[in-house]
Amino acid sequence: MAEEVKNVNLINVESKKTDRAVSFERDLGQSLDDAVTKFGEDVVFSIYHAQAVVKAQSAARRVLDIDTKSEEDAVTAGASYTPGVVVRRTGAKKDPIAAAAALVKAGDMSKAELIRLINEQLA
């Protein structure tokens, strides 16, 4: 089976407020070196840094959102965030049970909290 080739220049945008969507192409670079050539090292680093901060905040926030976790747990989650390759989701909405199971696996949610969530979904 042939591997699907993704158009890295294709940008999709949707508005949940107006239920409209558009797509357009913008060449932001095909590699790190290409992006640095097009926009400069300072721009590329500032975008990387801003996104890494948001992701570290998100890691800490996910823990803060769990009542049984401490502020220290949230600090640990944020401070231990390591940037990785971004995988864009397309199609179906995220499964809340699968997302919660991932939190249990990562140690960010207890099994009891997962069971409570499943029971809420079944009610």
Foldseek 3Di string as FASTA:
>chain_A
DDDDDDDPQKDKDADPVVRDIDIDGDPCDPDPVRNCVVPNPVVVVVVVVVVLLVVLQVQLVLLVVDPVHDNVVSVVRSVPDDDDDDDDDDDDDDDPLVVVVVCVVVVSDPPVVSVVVVVVVVD
